[in-house]
Amino acid sequence: MALLCLLMAQFGVAQQKLSLPDTTNYIIQDSVLIKTSYGITLSAVVVQKKGVSAKLPCALMYLIYSDLNRSLAEAKFAADQGYVGIVADARGKRLSPDQPEPYEHEARDVNAVIDWIVRQPWSDGRVGMYGGSFSGFAQWAATKYLHPALKTIVPYVAAIPGLGLPMENNVFLNANYQWAFHVTNNKYTDDVVNKDNARWQRMRNLWWESGAAYNRIDSVDGTPNPWLQKWISHPAYDAYWQAMVPYRNDFAKINIPVLSITGYYDDGQVSALEYLREHYKYRPAAEHYLIIGPYDHFGAQLGGKPLLKGYEVDSAALINTRQITFEWLDYVLKGKAKPALIKDKINFEVMGANVWKHVPSMDLVEENTVRFYLSGTEKNSLLSNTKPQQETFIRQEVDLADRRTFNNDYYPSQIIKQEIDQTNGLFFVTKPFSHAVSVSGYLKGELKAIINKKDMDVGLVLYEITPEGKYFQLSYFLGRASYAKDMAQRKLLVPGKAETIPFYRSRFFSRQLSKGSRLLLVLNIDKNPFAQINYGSGKDVSKETIRDAGKPLQIQWSNESFVDLQISDTNF
């Protein structure tokens, strides 16, 4: 239950408390209707400061979690900073007479709002966008067809539909099964259905125990979920998903400054960093900056909190996201200085060291990159920085039809754990570090394996084992082997053939390791009530049932499998 509540944060919006100033100081339009040229009507709140005659740039937030009080507070705050504050509602929300259709039209609808803004007498023709989660996605969606008036975006914990949600690396997750009901049941949000944790726990457990196909999970719940059915009909990152946000060469055209903000423990971090990687890949000179630290999905939108999932956050990591946002808007739209925290392209806090580091590239977050091999035997597995002299294999067997056991250690419900489940999976441990070092970056590398089926869903978790024997979770990866080389095109594995499975869309982190600490990498096959179960038949995973499990999955993991980590000092 706790895990579900934590994962649900991925699709939420941080509800920061904002003071509501005296309305006599503002010109407020809270029932604006924006009629588009293509027949859709959107609604918005517009706030101007009284006594200001000059045309101003506009600070725009695009919101699917419609709430008039929150919209007014957001817009008033922006007006106080010297902007026209605008909060627009997504299609079908609040005063829009149309049907809510999340994700599918933002690339067009957000630009229609911007087009309306620049035609207003109070607009100076420039717009900056900001906001988190869905609002972060909406900003990137707008850049797919970049409006000339959009001068900058500040996306926090931005989602990518089809990559970070409702599936991650092509594995559909149950954590936000109810999200479609939450945002489409009415013109605002259906908080009752969203918070009915007992219902969603019951649904997951019944589906898991029944062995039913994933596309029957709404039948287990008893309420049709047409959005889920539509989404699972696109298991590849195909044209349906590609139409929602910039894809490949689209990023080359994004020539505006961008400030991305996310957290090490943000559920949707893989999406936020995918935008950054792709932007730099297709536009190497992009003016794209990143702020990242020990924050979860809500925390990144606020600037962190002192205690995060049992971890006492460094004081240096606690920032003010809203203040930084408007300092950034002032930098781009008013010619002021950059926020003080931004000293280079990549700005990240080192957990345990209580310091920020600033580097020009994600590949330079530490001075050295060390390759660790998954070596040893089933009983004595090592995470070794020495390349093996000859290839050997570690065997693993997973009975996908077995409902007596499951694994679910990927998501960090608690960052620091006294113990972890060691009843299944493979555990690779380094030797103790001879002195303190910092380790930063994300899990990337290659798994080499021979299996007896056509597919599998692989999970990796990286921990620091502290000198006291505690487990500090650093990063994790979850992905489908058949999409490892191309998330848009499935390529099934050949039973009995040696296969290479690359991985990199994992969680970025930075941590100062103590003298005597060790790194632990846990390798396992995803099998639990919280995600699809890939039985390996090669069929559409959403249509597989427990009857497709057949013989247990048998894996031979090569000791030539490796993970690359960035480390401050190689003399350890």
Protein backbone atom coordinates (compact mmCIF):
# COMPACT_ATOMS: atom_id res chain seq x y z
CA MET A 1 0.00 0.00 0.00
CA ALA A 2 2.77 2.39 0.92
CA LEU A 3 4.47 1.62 -2.39
CA LEU A 4 1.34 2.50 -4.36
CA CYS A 5 0.90 5.79 -2.56
CA LEU A 6 4.51 6.70 -3.25
CA LEU A 7 4.37 5.75 -6.90
CA MET A 8 1.18 7.72 -7.36
CA ALA A 9 3.27 10.84 -6.88
CA GLN A 10 4.56 10.42 -10.42
CA PHE A 11 1.32 11.79 -11.83
CA GLY A 12 0.51 14.34 -9.15
CA VAL A 13 1.20 18.03 -8.89
CA ALA A 14 2.84 19.59 -5.85
CA GLN A 15 0.28 21.69 -3.99
CA GLN A 16 2.48 24.49 -2.68
CA LYS A 17 0.63 26.81 -0.33
CA LEU A 18 0.56 30.29 -1.78
CA SER A 19 -0.76 33.36 -0.07
CA LEU A 20 -3.71 35.01 -1.79
CA PRO A 21 -3.01 38.77 -1.87
CA ASP A 22 -5.73 41.40 -1.66
CA THR A 23 -7.75 41.11 -4.89
CA THR A 24 -8.10 44.88 -5.03
CA ASN A 25 -4.51 45.00 -6.33
CA TYR A 26 -5.25 42.87 -9.38
CA ILE A 27 -7.25 42.76 -12.59
CA ILE A 28 -8.61 39.22 -12.56
CA GLN A 29 -10.26 37.33 -15.38
CA ASP A 30 -11.15 33.88 -14.08
CA SER A 31 -13.57 32.76 -16.82
CA VAL A 32 -11.57 33.32 -20.00
CA LEU A 33 -12.63 31.12 -22.92
CA ILE A 34 -10.07 30.55 -25.67
CA LYS A 35 -11.70 29.37 -28.88
CA THR A 36 -9.25 27.69 -31.23
CA SER A 37 -9.30 27.78 -35.01
CA TYR A 38 -9.94 24.02 -35.02
CA GLY A 39 -13.15 24.10 -32.97
CA ILE A 40 -11.90 23.38 -29.43
CA THR A 41 -12.53 25.75 -26.51
CA LEU A 42 -10.08 26.02 -23.63
CA SER A 43 -10.45 28.00 -20.40
CA ALA A 44 -7.95 30.10 -18.48
CA VAL A 45 -7.34 32.45 -15.59
CA VAL A 46 -5.55 35.73 -16.34
CA VAL A 47 -4.21 38.06 -13.65
CA GLN A 48 -2.61 41.49 -14.12
CA LYS A 49 -1.29 43.84 -11.48
CA LYS A 50 -3.34 47.04 -11.26
CA GLY A 51 -1.66 50.27 -12.16
CA VAL A 52 0.63 48.71 -14.78
CA SER A 53 0.06 50.21 -18.21
CA ALA A 54 3.07 48.71 -20.00
CA LYS A 55 2.76 45.55 -22.03
CA LEU A 56 4.38 42.64 -20.21
CA PRO A 57 5.75 39.16 -20.89
CA CYS A 58 3.47 36.37 -19.76
CA ALA A 59 4.21 33.50 -17.35
CA LEU A 60 2.07 30.56 -18.42
CA MET A 61 1.22 27.33 -16.61
CA TYR A 62 -0.86 24.70 -18.41
CA LEU A 63 -2.79 22.56 -15.95
CA ILE A 64 -4.84 19.36 -16.13
CA TYR A 65 -5.51 19.28 -12.38
CA SER A 66 -8.04 22.09 -12.61
CA ASP A 67 -8.57 24.05 -9.40
CA LEU A 68 -9.71 27.66 -9.58
CA ASN A 69 -8.20 28.64 -6.23
CA ARG A 70 -4.84 27.21 -7.17
CA SER A 71 -4.96 28.79 -10.62
CA LEU A 72 -5.70 32.19 -9.11
CA ALA A 73 -2.86 31.82 -6.61
CA GLU A 74 -0.41 30.81 -9.33
CA ALA A 75 -1.42 33.65 -11.62
CA LYS A 76 -1.33 36.23 -8.81
CA PHE A 77 2.13 35.14 -7.79
CA ALA A 78 3.33 35.56 -11.38
CA ALA A 79 1.73 39.02 -11.51
CA ASP A 80 3.60 39.97 -8.35
CA GLN A 81 6.86 39.11 -10.13
CA GLY A 82 6.16 41.54 -12.97
CA TYR A 83 4.39 39.26 -15.46
CA VAL A 84 0.90 38.72 -16.70
CA GLY A 85 0.04 35.48 -14.90
CA ILE A 86 -1.91 32.91 -16.87
CA VAL A 87 -3.04 29.42 -15.93
CA ALA A 88 -4.75 27.59 -18.80
CA ASP A 89 -6.80 24.44 -18.33
CA ALA A 90 -6.25 21.39 -20.49
CA ARG A 91 -8.86 20.37 -23.01
CA GLY A 92 -12.11 19.27 -21.35
CA LYS A 93 -11.20 20.72 -17.95
CA ARG A 94 -12.99 23.41 -15.90
CA LEU A 95 -14.93 25.60 -18.38
CA SER A 96 -13.96 23.74 -21.56
CA PRO A 97 -17.05 22.06 -23.08
CA ASP A 98 -14.96 19.41 -24.81
CA GLN A 99 -13.96 15.96 -23.62
CA PRO A 100 -10.72 15.47 -21.65
CA GLU A 101 -8.17 13.61 -23.76
CA PRO A 102 -4.91 13.66 -21.81
CA TYR A 103 -1.60 13.81 -23.68
CA GLU A 104 -3.03 13.55 -27.18
CA HIS A 105 -3.52 17.23 -28.10
CA GLU A 106 -1.20 19.32 -25.95
CA ALA A 107 1.26 19.88 -28.80
CA ARG A 108 -1.52 21.73 -30.58
CA ASP A 109 -3.62 23.08 -27.71
CA VAL A 110 -0.78 24.75 -25.76
CA ASN A 111 0.32 26.58 -28.89
CA ALA A 112 -3.25 27.72 -29.44
CA VAL A 113 -3.16 29.30 -25.97
CA ILE A 114 0.15 31.01 -26.76
CA ASP A 115 -1.28 32.26 -30.05
CA TRP A 116 -4.23 33.75 -28.14
CA ILE A 117 -1.92 35.38 -25.59
CA VAL A 118 0.16 37.30 -28.12
CA ARG A 119 -2.96 38.83 -29.63
CA GLN A 120 -4.02 40.41 -26.33
CA PRO A 121 -3.43 44.14 -25.73
CA TRP A 122 -1.51 43.49 -22.45
CA SER A 123 1.00 41.06 -24.05
CA ASP A 124 4.44 42.17 -25.22
CA GLY A 125 4.54 39.11 -27.47
CA ARG A 126 6.74 36.93 -25.26
CA VAL A 127 5.75 33.90 -23.20
CA GLY A 128 7.65 31.81 -20.66
CA MET A 129 6.20 28.53 -19.38
CA TYR A 130 6.80 26.68 -16.13
CA GLY A 131 5.32 23.93 -13.95
CA GLY A 132 5.66 20.30 -12.99
CA SER A 133 4.58 16.79 -13.91
CA PHE A 134 1.80 17.05 -16.53
CA SER A 135 2.52 20.78 -16.79
CA GLY A 136 6.16 19.90 -17.47
CA PHE A 137 5.07 17.54 -20.23
CA ALA A 138 2.81 20.24 -21.71
CA GLN A 139 5.77 22.60 -22.08
CA TRP A 140 7.75 20.04 -24.03
CA ALA A 141 4.66 19.22 -26.08
CA ALA A 142 4.46 22.89 -27.04
CA THR A 143 8.04 22.82 -28.34
CA LYS A 144 7.19 20.11 -30.86
CA TYR A 145 5.75 22.92 -32.99
CA LEU A 146 7.67 25.77 -31.37
CA HIS A 147 5.70 29.02 -31.38
CA PRO A 148 7.94 32.05 -32.00
CA ALA A 149 6.47 33.75 -28.92
CA LEU A 150 7.57 30.94 -26.59
CA LYS A 151 10.94 32.15 -25.33
CA THR A 152 11.75 29.67 -22.55
CA ILE A 153 10.39 26.73 -20.56
CA VAL A 154 11.04 25.61 -16.98
CA PRO A 155 9.73 22.03 -16.76
CA TYR A 156 9.90 20.28 -13.40
CA VAL A 157 9.75 16.46 -13.25
CA ALA A 158 8.39 16.47 -16.80
CA ALA A 159 6.63 13.35 -18.03
CA ILE A 160 6.99 11.66 -21.42
CA PRO A 161 3.88 9.65 -22.25
CA GLY A 162 4.88 6.20 -23.42
CA LEU A 163 8.39 6.37 -21.98
CA GLY A 164 8.12 7.17 -18.28
CA LEU A 165 4.38 6.58 -17.98
CA PRO A 166 2.07 4.66 -18.12
CA MET A 167 4.93 2.36 -19.12
CA GLU A 168 8.63 2.62 -18.30
CA ASN A 169 11.08 1.25 -20.85
CA ASN A 170 8.10 -0.55 -22.44
CA VAL A 171 6.88 -2.17 -19.19
CA PHE A 172 3.37 -1.05 -18.19
CA LEU A 173 3.06 -0.15 -14.50
CA ASN A 174 0.02 -0.42 -12.22
CA ALA A 175 0.94 2.40 -9.85
CA ASN A 176 -1.17 4.96 -11.67
CA TYR A 177 -3.82 2.72 -13.10
CA GLN A 178 -6.49 5.07 -11.69
CA TRP A 179 -4.93 8.27 -13.09
CA ALA A 180 -7.15 8.32 -16.18
CA PHE A 181 -10.25 8.24 -13.96
CA HIS A 182 -8.72 10.92 -11.75
CA VAL A 183 -8.38 13.45 -14.59
CA THR A 184 -11.22 12.49 -16.95
CA ASN A 185 -14.19 11.65 -14.69
CA ASN A 186 -15.19 15.30 -14.35
CA LYS A 187 -14.14 18.87 -15.16
CA TYR A 188 -11.83 19.06 -12.18
CA THR A 189 -10.28 15.97 -10.52
CA ASP A 190 -11.91 12.88 -9.08
CA ASP A 191 -10.00 12.80 -5.83
CA VAL A 192 -12.29 10.17 -4.31
CA VAL A 193 -11.43 7.55 -6.91
CA ASN A 194 -7.78 8.55 -6.90
CA LYS A 195 -7.47 8.04 -3.15
CA ASP A 196 -9.35 4.75 -2.98
CA ASN A 197 -6.18 2.82 -2.21
CA ALA A 198 -8.02 -0.23 -0.89
CA ARG A 199 -9.75 -0.65 -4.25
CA TRP A 200 -6.55 -0.46 -6.26
CA GLN A 201 -4.67 -2.77 -3.90
CA ARG A 202 -7.50 -5.31 -4.14
CA MET A 203 -7.52 -5.05 -7.94
CA ARG A 204 -3.76 -5.59 -8.22
CA ASN A 205 -3.74 -8.55 -5.87
CA LEU A 206 -6.72 -10.25 -7.50
CA TRP A 207 -5.22 -9.80 -10.95
CA TRP A 208 -1.85 -11.14 -9.75
CA GLU A 209 -3.40 -14.17 -8.08
CA SER A 210 -5.70 -14.96 -11.01
CA GLY A 211 -2.96 -15.03 -13.63
CA ALA A 212 -5.27 -13.17 -16.01
CA ALA A 213 -3.94 -11.25 -19.00
CA TYR A 214 -2.96 -7.66 -18.33
CA ASN A 215 -5.62 -6.41 -20.74
CA ARG A 216 -8.22 -7.94 -18.41
CA ILE A 217 -7.15 -6.02 -15.32
CA ASP A 218 -10.04 -3.55 -15.63
CA SER A 219 -12.43 -6.52 -15.68
CA VAL A 220 -10.91 -7.59 -12.37
CA ASP A 221 -11.61 -4.09 -11.05
CA GLY A 222 -15.14 -4.16 -12.48
CA THR A 223 -14.99 -0.77 -14.24
CA PRO A 224 -13.92 -0.41 -17.88
CA ASN A 225 -10.77 1.66 -18.33
CA PRO A 226 -10.81 2.71 -22.00
CA TRP A 227 -7.69 4.87 -21.65
CA LEU A 228 -5.67 1.96 -20.31
CA GLN A 229 -6.90 -0.22 -23.16
CA LYS A 230 -5.89 2.42 -25.67
CA TRP A 231 -2.46 2.84 -24.13
CA ILE A 232 -1.64 -0.86 -23.91
CA SER A 233 -2.54 -1.22 -27.59
CA HIS A 234 0.68 0.74 -28.18
CA PRO A 235 3.36 -1.32 -26.36
CA ALA A 236 6.12 0.15 -28.56
CA TYR A 237 7.07 3.81 -28.49
CA ASP A 238 5.30 4.17 -31.83
CA ALA A 239 3.78 7.03 -33.83
CA TYR A 240 0.99 7.40 -31.27
CA TRP A 241 3.43 8.36 -28.51
CA GLN A 242 5.89 10.09 -30.83
CA ALA A 243 3.21 12.62 -31.84
CA MET A 244 2.87 13.92 -28.28
CA VAL A 245 6.31 15.43 -27.62
CA PRO A 246 9.45 16.24 -29.64
CA TYR A 247 10.96 13.13 -31.18
CA ARG A 248 14.44 12.75 -32.62
CA ASN A 249 15.07 15.58 -35.12
CA ASP A 250 12.31 17.70 -33.55
CA PHE A 251 14.81 18.49 -30.78
CA ALA A 252 17.20 20.10 -33.26
CA LYS A 253 14.70 22.96 -33.76
CA ILE A 254 14.32 23.79 -30.06
CA ASN A 255 16.50 26.91 -29.92
CA ILE A 256 15.15 28.47 -26.72
CA PRO A 257 16.78 28.35 -23.26
CA VAL A 258 15.50 25.50 -21.07
CA LEU A 259 15.84 24.90 -17.33
CA SER A 260 14.91 21.36 -16.25
CA ILE A 261 14.43 20.49 -12.57
CA THR A 262 14.04 16.97 -11.23
CA GLY A 263 15.10 14.71 -8.38
CA TYR A 264 17.08 11.56 -7.74
CA TYR A 265 13.94 9.95 -6.33
CA ASP A 266 11.43 11.41 -8.79
CA ASP A 267 9.29 8.58 -10.15
CA GLY A 268 9.38 10.12 -13.62
CA GLN A 269 13.03 11.09 -13.68
CA VAL A 270 13.71 8.89 -16.71
CA SER A 271 11.40 11.17 -18.71
CA ALA A 272 12.92 14.43 -17.50
CA LEU A 273 16.44 13.27 -18.36
CA GLU A 274 15.40 11.78 -21.70
CA TYR A 275 14.34 15.27 -22.81
CA LEU A 276 17.74 16.62 -21.80
CA ARG A 277 19.74 13.83 -23.45
CA GLU A 278 17.78 14.04 -26.69
CA HIS A 279 17.97 17.83 -26.78
CA TYR A 280 21.76 17.71 -26.54
CA LYS A 281 21.99 14.79 -28.94
CA TYR A 282 20.17 16.57 -31.75
CA ARG A 283 21.20 20.13 -30.81
CA PRO A 284 24.67 19.91 -29.20
CA ALA A 285 24.80 23.67 -28.59
CA ALA A 286 21.43 23.73 -26.81
CA GLU A 287 21.14 26.18 -23.93
CA HIS A 288 19.65 23.55 -21.63
CA TYR A 289 20.41 23.55 -17.91
CA LEU A 290 19.62 20.95 -15.25
CA ILE A 291 19.10 21.22 -11.49
CA ILE A 292 18.85 17.86 -9.76
CA GLY A 293 19.15 16.75 -6.14
CA PRO A 294 17.67 14.44 -3.50
CA TYR A 295 14.01 15.18 -4.26
CA ASP A 296 10.98 13.05 -5.03
CA HIS A 297 8.26 13.99 -7.51
CA PHE A 298 6.54 16.49 -5.22
CA GLY A 299 9.71 17.68 -3.55
CA ALA A 300 11.42 18.73 -6.77
CA GLN A 301 8.51 21.06 -7.47
CA LEU A 302 8.93 22.72 -4.09
CA GLY A 303 12.69 22.60 -3.57
CA GLY A 304 13.07 19.56 -1.37
CA LYS A 305 12.18 18.60 2.19
CA PRO A 306 14.45 17.89 5.16
CA LEU A 307 13.38 14.25 5.58
CA LEU A 308 12.88 12.19 2.44
CA LYS A 309 11.81 8.56 2.80
CA GLY A 310 13.88 8.10 5.92
CA TYR A 311 16.91 10.03 4.63
CA GLU A 312 17.92 13.29 6.31
CA VAL A 313 18.59 15.50 3.31
CA ASP A 314 21.70 17.70 3.26
CA SER A 315 20.92 21.32 4.15
CA ALA A 316 22.58 22.52 0.93
CA ALA A 317 20.07 20.53 -1.12
CA LEU A 318 17.08 22.51 0.17
CA ILE A 319 16.29 25.15 -2.43
CA ASN A 320 13.30 27.26 -3.52
CA THR A 321 12.05 26.00 -6.87
CA ARG A 322 9.56 28.82 -7.34
CA GLN A 323 12.14 31.51 -6.64
CA ILE A 324 14.63 29.90 -9.03
CA THR A 325 11.90 29.63 -11.67
CA PHE A 326 11.15 33.35 -11.70
CA GLU A 327 14.82 34.26 -11.47
CA TRP A 328 15.24 32.15 -14.61
CA LEU A 329 12.29 33.86 -16.33
CA ASP A 330 13.84 37.21 -15.39
CA TYR A 331 17.16 36.05 -16.89
CA VAL A 332 15.59 35.14 -20.22
CA LEU A 333 12.80 37.71 -20.49
CA LYS A 334 14.24 40.68 -18.58
CA GLY A 335 17.98 40.36 -19.09
CA LYS A 336 18.84 39.76 -15.44
CA ALA A 337 21.46 37.37 -14.06
CA LYS A 338 21.01 33.61 -14.02
CA PRO A 339 19.91 32.05 -10.72
CA ALA A 340 22.98 31.77 -8.48
CA LEU A 341 22.71 27.98 -8.28
CA ILE A 342 23.22 27.62 -12.03
CA LYS A 343 26.98 27.72 -12.53
CA ASP A 344 27.16 25.26 -15.45
CA LYS A 345 24.86 23.14 -17.61
CA ILE A 346 24.52 20.27 -15.09
CA ASN A 347 24.03 21.29 -11.45
CA PHE A 348 23.66 18.48 -8.90
CA GLU A 349 23.90 18.00 -5.13
CA VAL A 350 26.19 15.28 -3.77
CA MET A 351 24.29 13.42 -1.07
CA GLY A 352 26.39 13.01 2.04
CA ALA A 353 28.88 15.70 1.04
CA ASN A 354 26.43 18.60 1.43
CA VAL A 355 27.80 20.35 -1.65
CA TRP A 356 26.68 21.17 -5.18
CA LYS A 357 28.75 20.31 -8.22
CA HIS A 358 28.54 22.04 -11.59
CA VAL A 359 29.75 20.43 -14.82
CA PRO A 360 29.19 21.03 -18.55
CA SER A 361 27.91 17.54 -19.41
CA MET A 362 26.17 14.49 -17.95
CA ASP A 363 29.21 12.47 -19.00
CA LEU A 364 31.50 14.60 -16.81
CA VAL A 365 29.76 14.47 -13.46
CA GLU A 366 32.83 12.70 -12.04
CA GLU A 367 36.43 12.60 -13.21
CA ASN A 368 36.51 8.88 -14.02
CA THR A 369 34.27 6.22 -15.48
CA VAL A 370 34.81 2.72 -14.07
CA ARG A 371 33.46 -0.45 -15.67
CA PHE A 372 32.27 -3.04 -13.16
CA TYR A 373 31.71 -6.63 -14.34
CA LEU A 374 29.12 -9.03 -12.96
CA SER A 375 31.55 -11.77 -11.98
CA GLY A 376 31.79 -14.78 -9.70
CA THR A 377 29.40 -17.64 -9.03
CA GLU A 378 25.83 -18.00 -7.79
CA LYS A 379 27.10 -18.21 -4.20
CA ASN A 380 29.90 -15.67 -4.44
CA SER A 381 29.04 -12.91 -6.90
CA LEU A 382 31.36 -9.94 -7.32
CA LEU A 383 30.98 -6.49 -8.81
CA SER A 384 34.52 -6.31 -10.08
CA ASN A 385 36.43 -3.56 -11.86
CA THR A 386 38.72 -6.21 -13.35
CA LYS A 387 37.77 -7.56 -16.77
CA PRO A 388 37.30 -11.35 -16.65
CA GLN A 389 39.95 -13.38 -18.47
CA GLN A 390 37.42 -15.84 -19.83
CA GLU A 391 33.67 -15.92 -20.16
CA THR A 392 31.70 -17.87 -17.57
CA PHE A 393 28.01 -17.87 -16.66
CA ILE A 394 25.86 -17.53 -13.57
CA ARG A 395 22.57 -19.40 -13.78
CA GLN A 396 19.22 -18.09 -12.57
CA GLU A 397 15.78 -19.73 -12.72
CA VAL A 398 12.50 -17.84 -12.31
CA ASP A 399 9.13 -19.60 -12.25
CA LEU A 400 6.80 -16.96 -13.68
CA ALA A 401 3.75 -19.05 -12.82
CA ASP A 402 4.66 -19.20 -9.14
CA ARG A 403 2.45 -16.90 -7.05
CA ARG A 404 4.01 -17.80 -3.70
CA THR A 405 6.96 -15.47 -4.22
CA PHE A 406 7.54 -12.16 -5.94
CA ASN A 407 10.16 -9.44 -6.08
CA ASN A 408 9.49 -5.75 -5.63
CA ASP A 409 12.62 -3.99 -4.44
CA TYR A 410 12.99 -1.56 -7.33
CA TYR A 411 11.06 1.43 -6.07
CA PRO A 412 12.72 3.17 -3.07
CA SER A 413 9.83 3.26 -0.59
CA GLN A 414 12.57 3.93 1.96
CA ILE A 415 15.95 5.21 0.81
CA ILE A 416 17.78 3.70 3.77
CA LYS A 417 16.89 0.10 4.67
CA GLN A 418 18.09 -2.07 7.52
CA GLU A 419 17.84 -5.15 5.30
CA ILE A 420 16.69 -6.16 1.82
CA ASP A 421 15.01 -9.29 0.48
CA GLN A 422 17.73 -11.75 -0.49
CA THR A 423 15.48 -14.74 -1.16
CA ASN A 424 15.65 -14.26 -4.93
CA GLY A 425 17.76 -12.43 -7.47
CA LEU A 426 21.52 -12.19 -7.93
CA PHE A 427 23.70 -9.94 -5.75
CA PHE A 428 26.99 -8.45 -6.95
CA VAL A 429 29.12 -6.63 -4.37
CA THR A 430 32.31 -4.58 -4.68
CA LYS A 431 35.17 -4.75 -2.23
CA PRO A 432 35.04 -2.05 0.49
CA PHE A 433 36.25 1.38 -0.60
CA SER A 434 39.56 2.26 1.05
CA HIS A 435 38.59 5.90 1.37
CA ALA A 436 35.66 8.19 0.72
CA VAL A 437 34.72 8.65 -2.96
CA SER A 438 31.76 10.18 -4.74
CA VAL A 439 29.75 8.17 -7.26
CA SER A 440 27.41 9.95 -9.66
CA GLY A 441 25.43 9.42 -12.86
CA TYR A 442 22.95 6.76 -13.83
CA LEU A 443 23.09 3.02 -14.36
CA LYS A 444 24.19 2.20 -17.87
CA GLY A 445 25.87 -0.80 -19.37
CA GLU A 446 25.17 -4.11 -21.05
CA LEU A 447 23.75 -7.40 -19.89
CA LYS A 448 24.78 -10.49 -21.81
CA ALA A 449 22.61 -13.55 -21.40
CA ILE A 450 21.30 -16.78 -22.88
CA ILE A 451 17.69 -17.63 -22.06
CA ASN A 452 15.18 -20.35 -22.94
CA LYS A 453 12.38 -17.90 -23.85
CA LYS A 454 11.79 -15.04 -26.27
CA ASP A 455 11.68 -12.15 -23.84
CA MET A 456 12.04 -11.01 -20.23
CA ASP A 457 11.66 -7.88 -18.10
CA VAL A 458 14.89 -7.06 -16.29
CA GLY A 459 15.38 -5.09 -13.10
CA LEU A 460 18.55 -3.65 -11.58
CA VAL A 461 18.94 -1.87 -8.24
CA LEU A 462 22.11 -0.16 -7.01
CA TYR A 463 22.76 0.28 -3.28
CA GLU A 464 25.51 1.57 -1.07
CA ILE A 465 26.12 -0.87 1.78
CA THR A 466 27.31 1.45 4.52
CA PRO A 467 30.02 0.46 7.02
CA GLU A 468 27.17 -0.03 9.53
CA GLY A 469 25.53 -2.57 7.22
CA LYS A 470 22.61 -0.39 6.09
CA TYR A 471 21.40 -0.28 2.48
CA PHE A 472 21.24 3.17 0.89
CA GLN A 473 19.34 2.93 -2.41
CA LEU A 474 21.00 4.93 -5.18
CA SER A 475 19.38 4.03 -8.50
CA TYR A 476 17.29 1.45 -10.32
CA PHE A 477 16.40 0.33 -13.82
CA LEU A 478 13.41 -1.59 -15.16
CA GLY A 479 13.05 -2.50 -18.83
CA ARG A 480 11.92 -5.03 -21.43
CA ALA A 481 14.72 -6.92 -23.14
CA SER A 482 13.00 -7.05 -26.53
CA TYR A 483 12.93 -3.23 -26.70
CA ALA A 484 16.37 -2.62 -25.23
CA LYS A 485 17.95 -1.58 -28.51
CA ASP A 486 14.98 0.34 -29.89
CA MET A 487 11.97 1.26 -27.77
CA ALA A 488 9.97 1.83 -30.97
CA GLN A 489 10.61 -1.61 -32.47
CA ARG A 490 10.36 -4.94 -30.70
CA LYS A 491 13.02 -7.53 -31.44
CA LEU A 492 12.41 -10.82 -29.70
CA LEU A 493 15.28 -12.77 -28.20
CA VAL A 494 16.24 -16.11 -29.73
CA PRO A 495 16.07 -18.95 -27.18
CA GLY A 496 19.48 -20.52 -26.67
CA LYS A 497 21.34 -17.69 -28.37
CA ALA A 498 23.70 -15.26 -26.62
CA GLU A 499 22.02 -11.85 -26.51
CA THR A 500 23.24 -8.37 -25.55
CA ILE A 501 20.82 -6.12 -23.66
CA PRO A 502 21.97 -2.49 -23.34
CA PHE A 503 20.44 -0.27 -20.65
CA TYR A 504 20.73 3.40 -19.67
CA ARG A 505 17.30 4.90 -18.92
CA SER A 506 17.68 4.60 -15.16
CA ARG A 507 17.79 7.03 -12.20
CA PHE A 508 20.56 9.61 -11.99
CA PHE A 509 22.08 10.04 -8.51
CA SER A 510 25.11 11.46 -6.72
CA ARG A 511 26.39 10.17 -3.40
CA GLN A 512 29.49 10.54 -1.26
CA LEU A 513 30.43 7.01 -0.17
CA SER A 514 32.12 6.55 3.19
CA LYS A 515 35.37 4.70 3.74
CA GLY A 516 34.45 1.04 4.14
CA SER A 517 31.26 1.30 2.07
CA ARG A 518 30.57 -1.17 -0.71
CA LEU A 519 28.38 -1.00 -3.81
CA LEU A 520 25.74 -3.68 -4.30
CA LEU A 521 24.04 -4.33 -7.64
CA VAL A 522 20.93 -6.54 -7.51
CA LEU A 523 19.85 -8.23 -10.74
CA ASN A 524 16.44 -9.83 -11.07
CA ILE A 525 13.46 -10.52 -13.30
CA ASP A 526 10.41 -8.34 -12.69
CA LYS A 527 7.58 -10.47 -11.26
CA ASN A 528 5.08 -8.83 -8.92
CA PRO A 529 1.55 -7.33 -8.77
CA PHE A 530 2.78 -3.84 -9.64
CA ALA A 531 3.53 -4.27 -13.36
CA GLN A 532 2.81 -6.43 -16.37
CA ILE A 533 4.20 -9.94 -16.20
CA ASN A 534 6.25 -10.84 -19.24
CA TYR A 535 5.94 -14.61 -19.58
CA GLY A 536 8.38 -14.71 -22.47
CA SER A 537 6.15 -16.37 -25.09
CA GLY A 538 6.80 -13.58 -27.60
CA LYS A 539 3.12 -12.64 -27.76
CA ASP A 540 1.84 -9.17 -26.91
CA VAL A 541 2.64 -9.11 -23.18
CA SER A 542 -0.74 -7.54 -22.40
CA LYS A 543 -2.42 -10.65 -23.84
CA GLU A 544 -0.25 -13.26 -22.13
CA THR A 545 -1.76 -15.21 -19.25
CA ILE A 546 -0.26 -17.48 -16.63
CA ARG A 547 -0.89 -20.35 -19.05
CA ASP A 548 1.84 -18.87 -21.27
CA ALA A 549 4.42 -19.26 -18.51
CA GLY A 550 5.30 -22.85 -19.44
CA LYS A 551 8.64 -23.97 -18.07
CA PRO A 552 10.50 -21.65 -15.70
CA LEU A 553 12.63 -18.92 -17.25
CA GLN A 554 16.21 -20.15 -17.28
CA ILE A 555 18.95 -17.55 -17.67
CA GLN A 556 22.69 -17.80 -18.07
CA TRP A 557 24.17 -14.43 -17.22
CA SER A 558 27.61 -13.83 -18.72
CA ASN A 559 30.39 -12.42 -16.56
CA GLU A 560 31.05 -10.08 -19.49
CA SER A 561 27.93 -8.16 -18.42
CA PHE A 562 28.87 -4.79 -16.99
CA VAL A 563 27.71 -1.49 -15.55
CA ASP A 564 29.60 1.79 -15.99
CA LEU A 565 29.70 4.18 -13.03
CA GLN A 566 31.31 7.60 -12.74
CA ILE A 567 33.61 7.83 -9.72
CA SER A 568 35.75 10.66 -8.35
CA ASP A 569 38.82 8.50 -7.70
CA THR A 570 39.84 5.18 -9.25
CA ASN A 571 42.39 4.39 -6.53
CA PHE A 572 39.93 2.61 -4.26
